[in-house]
All heavy atoms as atom14 arrays in JSON, in Angstrom:
{
  "sequence": "VVDLTVTRTLLQRLFGLSTITLETRDQSSGGQLVLRNVIHGFEVRRV",
  "atom14_mask": [
    [1, 1, 1, 1, 1, 1, 1, 0, 0, 0, 0, 0, 0, 0],
    [1, 1, 1, 1, 1, 1, 1, 0, 0, 0, 0, 0, 0, 0],
    [1, 1, 1, 1, 1, 1, 1, 1, 0, 0, 0, 0, 0, 0],
    [1, 1, 1, 1, 1, 1, 1, 1, 0, 0, 0, 0, 0, 0],
    [1, 1, 1, 1, 1, 1, 1, 0, 0, 0, 0, 0, 0, 0],
    [1, 1, 1, 1, 1, 1, 1, 0, 0, 0, 0, 0, 0, 0],
    [1, 1, 1, 1, 1, 1, 1, 0, 0, 0, 0, 0, 0, 0],
    [1, 1, 1, 1, 1, 1, 1, 1, 1, 1, 1, 0, 0, 0],
    [1, 1, 1, 1, 1, 1, 1, 0, 0, 0, 0, 0, 0, 0],
    [1, 1, 1, 1, 1, 1, 1, 1, 0, 0, 0, 0, 0, 0],
    [1, 1, 1, 1, 1, 1, 1, 1, 0, 0, 0, 0, 0, 0],
    [1, 1, 1, 1, 1, 1, 1, 1, 1, 0, 0, 0, 0, 0],
    [1, 1, 1, 1, 1, 1, 1, 1, 1, 1, 1, 0, 0, 0],
    [1, 1, 1, 1, 1, 1, 1, 1, 0, 0, 0, 0, 0, 0],
    [1, 1, 1, 1, 1, 1, 1, 1, 1, 1, 1, 0, 0, 0],
    [1, 1, 1, 1, 0, 0, 0, 0, 0, 0, 0, 0, 0, 0],
    [1, 1, 1, 1, 1, 1, 1, 1, 0, 0, 0, 0, 0, 0],
    [1, 1, 1, 1, 1, 1, 0, 0, 0, 0, 0, 0, 0, 0],
    [1, 1, 1, 1, 1, 1, 1, 0, 0, 0, 0, 0, 0, 0],
    [1, 1, 1, 1, 1, 1, 1, 1, 0, 0, 0, 0, 0, 0],
    [1, 1, 1, 1, 1, 1, 1, 0, 0, 0, 0, 0, 0, 0],
    [1, 1, 1, 1, 1, 1, 1, 1, 0, 0, 0, 0, 0, 0],
    [1, 1, 1, 1, 1, 1, 1, 1, 1, 0, 0, 0, 0, 0],
    [1, 1, 1, 1, 1, 1, 1, 0, 0, 0, 0, 0, 0, 0],
    [1, 1, 1, 1, 1, 1, 1, 1, 1, 1, 1, 0, 0, 0],
    [1, 1, 1, 1, 1, 1, 1, 1, 0, 0, 0, 0, 0, 0],
    [1, 1, 1, 1, 1, 1, 1, 1, 1, 0, 0, 0, 0, 0],
    [1, 1, 1, 1, 1, 1, 0, 0, 0, 0, 0, 0, 0, 0],
    [1, 1, 1, 1, 1, 1, 0, 0, 0, 0, 0, 0, 0, 0],
    [1, 1, 1, 1, 0, 0, 0, 0, 0, 0, 0, 0, 0, 0],
    [1, 1, 1, 1, 0, 0, 0, 0, 0, 0, 0, 0, 0, 0],
    [1, 1, 1, 1, 1, 1, 1, 1, 1, 0, 0, 0, 0, 0],
    [1, 1, 1, 1, 1, 1, 1, 1, 0, 0, 0, 0, 0, 0],
    [1, 1, 1, 1, 1, 1, 1, 0, 0, 0, 0, 0, 0, 0],
    [1, 1, 1, 1, 1, 1, 1, 1, 0, 0, 0, 0, 0, 0],
    [1, 1, 1, 1, 1, 1, 1, 1, 1, 1, 1, 0, 0, 0],
    [1, 1, 1, 1, 1, 1, 1, 1, 0, 0, 0, 0, 0, 0],
    [1, 1, 1, 1, 1, 1, 1, 0, 0, 0, 0, 0, 0, 0],
    [1, 1, 1, 1, 1, 1, 1, 1, 0, 0, 0, 0, 0, 0],
    [1, 1, 1, 1, 1, 1, 1, 1, 1, 1, 0, 0, 0, 0],
    [1, 1, 1, 1, 0, 0, 0, 0, 0, 0, 0, 0, 0, 0],
    [1, 1, 1, 1, 1, 1, 1, 1, 1, 1, 1, 0, 0, 0],
    [1, 1, 1, 1, 1, 1, 1, 1, 1, 0, 0, 0, 0, 0],
    [1, 1, 1, 1, 1, 1, 1, 0, 0, 0, 0, 0, 0, 0],
    [1, 1, 1, 1, 1, 1, 1, 1, 1, 1, 1, 0, 0, 0],
    [1, 1, 1, 1, 1, 1, 1, 1, 1, 1, 1, 0, 0, 0],
    [1, 1, 1, 1, 1, 1, 1, 0, 0, 0, 0, 0, 0, 0]
  ],
  "atom14_positions": [
    [[172.7, 174.23, 58.49], [173.17, 173.4, 59.62], [174.59, 173.73, 59.88], [175.45, 173.68, 59.0], [172.94, 171.99, 59.28], [173.55, 171.08, 60.41], [171.46, 171.63, 59.1], [0.0, 0.0, 0.0], [0.0, 0.0, 0.0], [0.0, 0.0, 0.0], [0.0, 0.0, 0.0], [0.0, 0.0, 0.0], [0.0, 0.0, 0.0], [0.0, 0.0, 0.0]],
    [[174.95, 173.99, 61.14], [176.34, 174.32, 61.54], [176.99, 173.15, 62.22], [178.22, 172.97, 62.01], [176.31, 175.54, 62.52], [177.7, 175.89, 63.0], [175.63, 176.71, 61.87], [0.0, 0.0, 0.0], [0.0, 0.0, 0.0], [0.0, 0.0, 0.0], [0.0, 0.0, 0.0], [0.0, 0.0, 0.0], [0.0, 0.0, 0.0], [0.0, 0.0, 0.0]],
    [[176.3, 172.44, 63.12], [176.87, 171.35, 63.86], [175.88, 170.23, 64.09], [174.66, 170.42, 64.1], [177.4, 171.88, 65.21], [178.28, 170.89, 65.96], [179.05, 170.21, 65.29], [178.06, 170.81, 67.21], [0.0, 0.0, 0.0], [0.0, 0.0, 0.0], [0.0, 0.0, 0.0], [0.0, 0.0, 0.0], [0.0, 0.0, 0.0], [0.0, 0.0, 0.0]],
    [[176.38, 169.0, 64.17], [175.59, 167.77, 64.49], [176.14, 167.1, 65.73], [177.38, 166.95, 65.83], [175.7, 166.77, 63.29], [175.06, 167.21, 61.95], [175.69, 166.48, 60.82], [173.62, 166.89, 62.04], [0.0, 0.0, 0.0], [0.0, 0.0, 0.0], [0.0, 0.0, 0.0], [0.0, 0.0, 0.0], [0.0, 0.0, 0.0], [0.0, 0.0, 0.0]],
    [[175.29, 166.74, 66.56], [175.69, 166.01, 67.85], [174.74, 164.8, 68.03], [173.61, 164.87, 67.87], [175.55, 166.96, 69.03], [176.29, 168.16, 68.86], [175.99, 166.27, 70.32], [0.0, 0.0, 0.0], [0.0, 0.0, 0.0], [0.0, 0.0, 0.0], [0.0, 0.0, 0.0], [0.0, 0.0, 0.0], [0.0, 0.0, 0.0], [0.0, 0.0, 0.0]],
    [[175.33, 163.69, 68.33], [174.66, 162.42, 68.61], [174.83, 162.16, 70.05], [175.93, 162.15, 70.63], [175.19, 161.18, 67.76], [174.49, 160.01, 68.23], [175.08, 161.49, 66.33], [0.0, 0.0, 0.0], [0.0, 0.0, 0.0], [0.0, 0.0, 0.0], [0.0, 0.0, 0.0], [0.0, 0.0, 0.0], [0.0, 0.0, 0.0], [0.0, 0.0, 0.0]],
    [[173.72, 162.03, 70.79], [173.68, 161.7, 72.21], [172.85, 160.45, 72.4], [171.93, 160.16, 71.69], [173.12, 162.81, 73.15], [171.84, 163.14, 72.61], [174.03, 163.94, 73.02], [0.0, 0.0, 0.0], [0.0, 0.0, 0.0], [0.0, 0.0, 0.0], [0.0, 0.0, 0.0], [0.0, 0.0, 0.0], [0.0, 0.0, 0.0], [0.0, 0.0, 0.0]],
    [[173.23, 159.59, 73.43], [172.56, 158.35, 73.7], [172.49, 158.16, 75.2], [173.49, 158.09, 75.88], [173.26, 157.22, 73.06], [173.43, 157.35, 71.54], [174.26, 156.23, 71.0], [173.41, 154.99, 70.96], [173.97, 153.8, 70.78], [175.25, 153.64, 70.66], [173.13, 152.77, 70.66], [0.0, 0.0, 0.0], [0.0, 0.0, 0.0], [0.0, 0.0, 0.0]],
    [[171.22, 158.09, 75.72], [171.1, 157.78, 77.17], [171.33, 156.25, 77.33], [171.38, 155.51, 76.31], [169.73, 158.1, 77.65], [168.74, 157.34, 76.97], [169.38, 159.63, 77.45], [0.0, 0.0, 0.0], [0.0, 0.0, 0.0], [0.0, 0.0, 0.0], [0.0, 0.0, 0.0], [0.0, 0.0, 0.0], [0.0, 0.0, 0.0], [0.0, 0.0, 0.0]],
    [[171.36, 155.8, 78.58], [171.54, 154.36, 78.8], [170.33, 153.61, 78.15], [170.49, 152.53, 77.5], [171.57, 154.05, 80.3], [171.68, 152.6, 80.68], [172.94, 151.98, 80.12], [171.66, 152.46, 82.14], [0.0, 0.0, 0.0], [0.0, 0.0, 0.0], [0.0, 0.0, 0.0], [0.0, 0.0, 0.0], [0.0, 0.0, 0.0], [0.0, 0.0, 0.0]],
    [[169.14, 154.0, 78.35], [167.99, 153.35, 77.83], [168.02, 153.36, 76.27], [167.69, 152.38, 75.64], [166.72, 154.07, 78.19], [165.34, 153.32, 78.07], [165.44, 151.94, 78.78], [164.19, 154.13, 78.58], [0.0, 0.0, 0.0], [0.0, 0.0, 0.0], [0.0, 0.0, 0.0], [0.0, 0.0, 0.0], [0.0, 0.0, 0.0], [0.0, 0.0, 0.0]],
    [[168.46, 154.45, 75.68], [168.54, 154.52, 74.25], [169.69, 153.51, 73.74], [169.48, 152.81, 72.69], [168.91, 155.91, 73.74], [167.74, 156.9, 73.74], [168.21, 158.28, 73.32], [169.24, 158.8, 73.69], [167.33, 159.0, 72.54], [0.0, 0.0, 0.0], [0.0, 0.0, 0.0], [0.0, 0.0, 0.0], [0.0, 0.0, 0.0], [0.0, 0.0, 0.0]],
    [[170.74, 153.41, 74.47], [171.81, 152.41, 74.06], [171.31, 151.04, 74.14], [171.61, 150.16, 73.32], [173.01, 152.65, 74.9], [173.76, 153.9, 74.58], [175.15, 154.03, 75.12], [175.4, 153.28, 76.39], [175.82, 153.85, 77.5], [176.03, 155.12, 77.63], [176.09, 153.07, 78.56], [0.0, 0.0, 0.0], [0.0, 0.0, 0.0], [0.0, 0.0, 0.0]],
    [[170.52, 150.71, 75.21], [169.94, 149.34, 75.33], [169.01, 149.0, 74.07], [169.02, 147.87, 73.65], [169.14, 149.26, 76.57], [169.93, 149.24, 77.9], [169.0, 149.26, 79.08], [170.86, 148.05, 77.93], [0.0, 0.0, 0.0], [0.0, 0.0, 0.0], [0.0, 0.0, 0.0], [0.0, 0.0, 0.0], [0.0, 0.0, 0.0], [0.0, 0.0, 0.0]],
    [[168.34, 149.96, 73.6], [167.33, 149.69, 72.46], [167.91, 150.21, 71.13], [167.17, 150.15, 70.11], [166.04, 150.4, 72.76], [165.19, 149.66, 73.82], [165.24, 150.16, 75.09], [164.53, 148.55, 73.57], [164.55, 149.47, 76.08], [163.74, 147.92, 74.53], [163.78, 148.38, 75.78], [0.0, 0.0, 0.0], [0.0, 0.0, 0.0], [0.0, 0.0, 0.0]],
    [[169.22, 150.58, 71.06], [169.76, 151.01, 69.78], [169.22, 152.27, 69.16], [169.14, 152.35, 67.99], [0.0, 0.0, 0.0], [0.0, 0.0, 0.0], [0.0, 0.0, 0.0], [0.0, 0.0, 0.0], [0.0, 0.0, 0.0], [0.0, 0.0, 0.0], [0.0, 0.0, 0.0], [0.0, 0.0, 0.0], [0.0, 0.0, 0.0], [0.0, 0.0, 0.0]],
    [[168.93, 153.21, 70.0], [168.37, 154.5, 69.61], [169.34, 155.6, 69.84], [170.32, 155.43, 70.71], [167.08, 154.76, 70.32], [165.91, 153.73, 70.19], [164.81, 154.06, 71.15], [165.47, 153.78, 68.77], [0.0, 0.0, 0.0], [0.0, 0.0, 0.0], [0.0, 0.0, 0.0], [0.0, 0.0, 0.0], [0.0, 0.0, 0.0], [0.0, 0.0, 0.0]],
    [[169.16, 156.77, 69.21], [170.03, 157.91, 69.38], [169.2, 159.24, 69.25], [168.19, 159.18, 68.65], [171.2, 157.97, 68.35], [171.92, 156.89, 68.42], [0.0, 0.0, 0.0], [0.0, 0.0, 0.0], [0.0, 0.0, 0.0], [0.0, 0.0, 0.0], [0.0, 0.0, 0.0], [0.0, 0.0, 0.0], [0.0, 0.0, 0.0], [0.0, 0.0, 0.0]],
    [[169.66, 160.28, 69.84], [169.21, 161.61, 69.56], [170.18, 162.41, 68.87], [171.35, 162.47, 69.28], [168.79, 162.29, 70.96], [167.74, 161.5, 71.66], [168.29, 163.72, 70.73], [0.0, 0.0, 0.0], [0.0, 0.0, 0.0], [0.0, 0.0, 0.0], [0.0, 0.0, 0.0], [0.0, 0.0, 0.0], [0.0, 0.0, 0.0], [0.0, 0.0, 0.0]],
    [[169.73, 162.96, 67.72], [170.65, 163.81, 66.92], [170.21, 165.19, 67.03], [169.08, 165.54, 66.7], [170.63, 163.34, 65.47], [170.98, 161.82, 65.3], [171.51, 164.17, 64.59], [170.79, 161.26, 63.95], [0.0, 0.0, 0.0], [0.0, 0.0, 0.0], [0.0, 0.0, 0.0], [0.0, 0.0, 0.0], [0.0, 0.0, 0.0], [0.0, 0.0, 0.0]],
    [[171.13, 166.1, 67.48], [170.81, 167.49, 67.6], [171.57, 168.31, 66.49], [172.8, 168.13, 66.4], [171.31, 167.99, 68.93], [170.69, 167.22, 69.97], [170.92, 169.48, 69.15], [0.0, 0.0, 0.0], [0.0, 0.0, 0.0], [0.0, 0.0, 0.0], [0.0, 0.0, 0.0], [0.0, 0.0, 0.0], [0.0, 0.0, 0.0], [0.0, 0.0, 0.0]],
    [[170.82, 169.01, 65.72], [171.41, 169.87, 64.68], [171.37, 171.28, 65.08], [170.3, 171.85, 65.38], [170.58, 169.75, 63.37], [170.65, 168.41, 62.66], [169.72, 167.39, 63.26], [170.32, 168.59, 61.15], [0.0, 0.0, 0.0], [0.0, 0.0, 0.0], [0.0, 0.0, 0.0], [0.0, 0.0, 0.0], [0.0, 0.0, 0.0], [0.0, 0.0, 0.0]],
    [[172.59, 171.92, 65.23], [172.64, 173.38, 65.53], [172.51, 174.0, 64.15], [173.22, 173.75, 63.23], [174.04, 173.63, 66.14], [174.18, 173.08, 67.45], [173.25, 173.59, 68.62], [172.89, 174.82, 68.48], [172.97, 172.88, 69.51], [0.0, 0.0, 0.0], [0.0, 0.0, 0.0], [0.0, 0.0, 0.0], [0.0, 0.0, 0.0], [0.0, 0.0, 0.0]],
    [[171.63, 175.0, 64.1], [171.32, 175.68, 62.79], [171.34, 177.16, 62.95], [171.25, 177.65, 64.09], [169.9, 175.25, 62.25], [168.91, 175.74, 63.11], [169.77, 173.7, 62.17], [0.0, 0.0, 0.0], [0.0, 0.0, 0.0], [0.0, 0.0, 0.0], [0.0, 0.0, 0.0], [0.0, 0.0, 0.0], [0.0, 0.0, 0.0], [0.0, 0.0, 0.0]],
    [[171.34, 177.82, 61.85], [171.21, 179.22, 61.77], [169.81, 179.55, 61.2], [169.63, 180.32, 60.26], [172.25, 179.95, 60.86], [173.64, 179.8, 61.48], [173.78, 180.68, 62.71], [175.14, 180.64, 63.24], [175.43, 180.49, 64.49], [174.44, 180.28, 65.34], [176.69, 180.49, 64.91], [0.0, 0.0, 0.0], [0.0, 0.0, 0.0], [0.0, 0.0, 0.0]],
    [[168.8, 178.85, 61.73], [167.41, 178.99, 61.31], [166.65, 179.47, 62.43], [166.45, 178.85, 63.49], [166.89, 177.61, 60.85], [165.5, 177.66, 60.31], [165.19, 178.65, 59.59], [164.76, 176.76, 60.56], [0.0, 0.0, 0.0], [0.0, 0.0, 0.0], [0.0, 0.0, 0.0], [0.0, 0.0, 0.0], [0.0, 0.0, 0.0], [0.0, 0.0, 0.0]],
    [[166.05, 180.66, 62.33], [165.3, 181.34, 63.36], [163.98, 180.69, 63.7], [163.53, 180.64, 64.84], [165.02, 182.73, 63.07], [166.25, 183.65, 63.05], [166.05, 185.07, 62.66], [164.87, 185.44, 62.32], [166.98, 185.86, 62.74], [0.0, 0.0, 0.0], [0.0, 0.0, 0.0], [0.0, 0.0, 0.0], [0.0, 0.0, 0.0], [0.0, 0.0, 0.0]],
    [[163.39, 180.01, 62.72], [162.1, 179.38, 62.96], [162.21, 178.19, 63.9], [161.25, 177.83, 64.67], [161.41, 178.93, 61.67], [162.16, 177.86, 61.06], [0.0, 0.0, 0.0], [0.0, 0.0, 0.0], [0.0, 0.0, 0.0], [0.0, 0.0, 0.0], [0.0, 0.0, 0.0], [0.0, 0.0, 0.0], [0.0, 0.0, 0.0], [0.0, 0.0, 0.0]],
    [[163.32, 177.52, 63.85], [163.54, 176.38, 64.8], [164.22, 176.76, 66.06], [164.54, 175.86, 66.9], [164.27, 175.22, 64.1], [165.56, 175.75, 63.83], [0.0, 0.0, 0.0], [0.0, 0.0, 0.0], [0.0, 0.0, 0.0], [0.0, 0.0, 0.0], [0.0, 0.0, 0.0], [0.0, 0.0, 0.0], [0.0, 0.0, 0.0], [0.0, 0.0, 0.0]],
    [[164.46, 178.0, 66.32], [165.17, 178.42, 67.56], [166.62, 178.08, 67.55], [167.25, 178.04, 68.59], [0.0, 0.0, 0.0], [0.0, 0.0, 0.0], [0.0, 0.0, 0.0], [0.0, 0.0, 0.0], [0.0, 0.0, 0.0], [0.0, 0.0, 0.0], [0.0, 0.0, 0.0], [0.0, 0.0, 0.0], [0.0, 0.0, 0.0], [0.0, 0.0, 0.0]],
    [[167.22, 177.75, 66.37], [168.6, 177.49, 66.31], [169.02, 176.05, 66.61], [170.19, 175.71, 66.53], [0.0, 0.0, 0.0], [0.0, 0.0, 0.0], [0.0, 0.0, 0.0], [0.0, 0.0, 0.0], [0.0, 0.0, 0.0], [0.0, 0.0, 0.0], [0.0, 0.0, 0.0], [0.0, 0.0, 0.0], [0.0, 0.0, 0.0], [0.0, 0.0, 0.0]],
    [[167.95, 175.15, 66.85], [168.26, 173.79, 67.2], [167.07, 172.98, 66.57], [165.93, 173.29, 66.7], [168.37, 173.56, 68.71], [169.45, 172.75, 69.11], [169.45, 172.61, 70.62], [168.43, 172.45, 71.25], [170.66, 172.54, 71.14], [0.0, 0.0, 0.0], [0.0, 0.0, 0.0], [0.0, 0.0, 0.0], [0.0, 0.0, 0.0], [0.0, 0.0, 0.0]],
    [[167.46, 171.84, 65.96], [166.57, 170.9, 65.5], [166.94, 169.56, 66.11], [168.04, 169.07, 65.94], [166.61, 170.81, 63.97], [165.52, 170.01, 63.24], [164.13, 170.6, 63.57], [165.79, 169.99, 61.84], [0.0, 0.0, 0.0], [0.0, 0.0, 0.0], [0.0, 0.0, 0.0], [0.0, 0.0, 0.0], [0.0, 0.0, 0.0], [0.0, 0.0, 0.0]],
    [[166.03, 168.96, 66.88], [166.33, 167.72, 67.57], [165.57, 166.48, 66.99], [164.32, 166.63, 66.88], [165.97, 167.87, 69.08], [166.34, 166.56, 69.83], [166.69, 169.04, 69.7], [0.0, 0.0, 0.0], [0.0, 0.0, 0.0], [0.0, 0.0, 0.0], [0.0, 0.0, 0.0], [0.0, 0.0, 0.0], [0.0, 0.0, 0.0], [0.0, 0.0, 0.0]],
    [[166.26, 165.55, 66.65], [165.66, 164.26, 66.09], [165.83, 163.23, 67.19], [166.87, 162.66, 67.39], [166.38, 163.8, 64.83], [166.56, 164.83, 63.7], [167.36, 164.18, 62.57], [165.33, 165.45, 63.28], [0.0, 0.0, 0.0], [0.0, 0.0, 0.0], [0.0, 0.0, 0.0], [0.0, 0.0, 0.0], [0.0, 0.0, 0.0], [0.0, 0.0, 0.0]],
    [[164.71, 162.92, 67.9], [164.77, 161.99, 69.03], [164.48, 160.6, 68.64], [163.64, 160.32, 67.82], [163.73, 162.51, 70.07], [164.19, 163.74, 70.83], [163.15, 164.07, 71.94], [163.65, 165.18, 72.71], [163.56, 166.51, 72.4], [163.12, 166.79, 71.18], [163.97, 167.45, 73.11], [0.0, 0.0, 0.0], [0.0, 0.0, 0.0], [0.0, 0.0, 0.0]],
    [[165.14, 159.69, 69.37], [164.95, 158.29, 69.26], [164.93, 157.74, 67.82], [164.08, 157.16, 67.26], [163.61, 157.86, 69.87], [163.65, 158.03, 71.38], [164.66, 158.09, 72.0], [162.47, 158.13, 71.96], [0.0, 0.0, 0.0], [0.0, 0.0, 0.0], [0.0, 0.0, 0.0], [0.0, 0.0, 0.0], [0.0, 0.0, 0.0], [0.0, 0.0, 0.0]],
    [[166.11, 158.03, 67.21], [166.33, 157.63, 65.83], [167.07, 156.27, 65.8], [168.15, 156.11, 66.63], [167.21, 158.71, 65.07], [167.68, 158.24, 63.74], [166.42, 160.0, 64.96], [0.0, 0.0, 0.0], [0.0, 0.0, 0.0], [0.0, 0.0, 0.0], [0.0, 0.0, 0.0], [0.0, 0.0, 0.0], [0.0, 0.0, 0.0], [0.0, 0.0, 0.0]],
    [[166.69, 155.32, 64.95], [167.46, 154.08, 64.85], [168.68, 154.31, 64.02], [168.66, 155.06, 63.04], [166.49, 153.04, 64.19], [165.37, 152.69, 65.12], [167.34, 151.73, 63.92], [164.32, 151.76, 64.47], [0.0, 0.0, 0.0], [0.0, 0.0, 0.0], [0.0, 0.0, 0.0], [0.0, 0.0, 0.0], [0.0, 0.0, 0.0], [0.0, 0.0, 0.0]],
    [[169.81, 153.65, 64.37], [171.07, 153.75, 63.64], [171.55, 155.29, 63.6], [171.87, 155.78, 62.55], [171.03, 153.17, 62.19], [170.48, 151.79, 62.2], [171.15, 150.72, 62.68], [169.41, 151.24, 61.63], [170.46, 149.57, 62.5], [169.36, 149.92, 61.89], [0.0, 0.0, 0.0], [0.0, 0.0, 0.0], [0.0, 0.0, 0.0], [0.0, 0.0, 0.0]],
    [[171.59, 155.86, 64.74], [171.96, 157.27, 64.79], [173.24, 157.67, 64.16], [173.37, 158.75, 63.56], [0.0, 0.0, 0.0], [0.0, 0.0, 0.0], [0.0, 0.0, 0.0], [0.0, 0.0, 0.0], [0.0, 0.0, 0.0], [0.0, 0.0, 0.0], [0.0, 0.0, 0.0], [0.0, 0.0, 0.0], [0.0, 0.0, 0.0], [0.0, 0.0, 0.0]],
    [[174.3, 156.94, 64.3], [175.58, 157.29, 63.8], [175.62, 157.23, 62.29], [176.2, 158.06, 61.61], [176.75, 156.46, 64.39], [176.97, 156.78, 65.85], [176.55, 155.81, 66.74], [177.54, 157.87, 66.2], [176.61, 156.07, 68.12], [177.77, 158.13, 67.56], [177.26, 157.3, 68.53], [0.0, 0.0, 0.0], [0.0, 0.0, 0.0], [0.0, 0.0, 0.0]],
    [[174.93, 156.21, 61.66], [174.8, 156.12, 60.19], [173.94, 157.27, 59.74], [174.27, 157.9, 58.69], [174.13, 154.85, 59.82], [174.99, 153.61, 60.09], [174.32, 152.3, 59.82], [173.36, 152.33, 59.01], [174.65, 151.34, 60.51], [0.0, 0.0, 0.0], [0.0, 0.0, 0.0], [0.0, 0.0, 0.0], [0.0, 0.0, 0.0], [0.0, 0.0, 0.0]],
    [[172.88, 157.66, 60.39], [172.07, 158.77, 60.01], [172.81, 160.08, 60.04], [172.69, 160.88, 59.16], [170.78, 158.84, 60.9], [169.98, 160.09, 60.64], [169.97, 157.59, 60.64], [0.0, 0.0, 0.0], [0.0, 0.0, 0.0], [0.0, 0.0, 0.0], [0.0, 0.0, 0.0], [0.0, 0.0, 0.0], [0.0, 0.0, 0.0], [0.0, 0.0, 0.0]],
    [[173.66, 160.27, 61.11], [174.46, 161.48, 61.2], [175.35, 161.57, 59.95], [175.58, 162.69, 59.47], [175.29, 161.44, 62.5], [176.06, 162.75, 62.69], [177.38, 162.58, 63.48], [178.35, 161.77, 62.84], [179.22, 162.11, 61.86], [179.15, 163.42, 61.37], [180.0, 161.33, 61.39], [0.0, 0.0, 0.0], [0.0, 0.0, 0.0], [0.0, 0.0, 0.0]],
    [[175.93, 160.48, 59.58], [176.88, 160.47, 58.34], [176.01, 160.89, 57.13], [176.57, 161.69, 56.25], [177.51, 159.2, 58.13], [178.67, 158.95, 59.11], [179.55, 157.8, 58.7], [178.92, 156.51, 59.0], [178.97, 155.94, 60.24], [179.71, 156.49, 61.23], [178.45, 154.8, 60.48], [0.0, 0.0, 0.0], [0.0, 0.0, 0.0], [0.0, 0.0, 0.0]],
    [[174.88, 160.35, 56.92], [174.02, 160.74, 55.77], [173.64, 162.16, 55.79], [173.71, 162.88, 54.8], [172.73, 159.82, 55.79], [171.72, 160.37, 54.75], [173.04, 158.41, 55.46], [0.0, 0.0, 0.0], [0.0, 0.0, 0.0], [0.0, 0.0, 0.0], [0.0, 0.0, 0.0], [0.0, 0.0, 0.0], [0.0, 0.0, 0.0], [0.0, 0.0, 0.0]]
  ]
}
């Protein structure tokens, strides 16, 4: 994993959800792993 990004649409913010995008050097995932609609996204990003 090279980079982590947390994004939140307006609807996600209303319901307390986040999307966490992991930039990776893993060819099987195409260089990106996306965790959509995660509860407590900023805490999960820290973990």
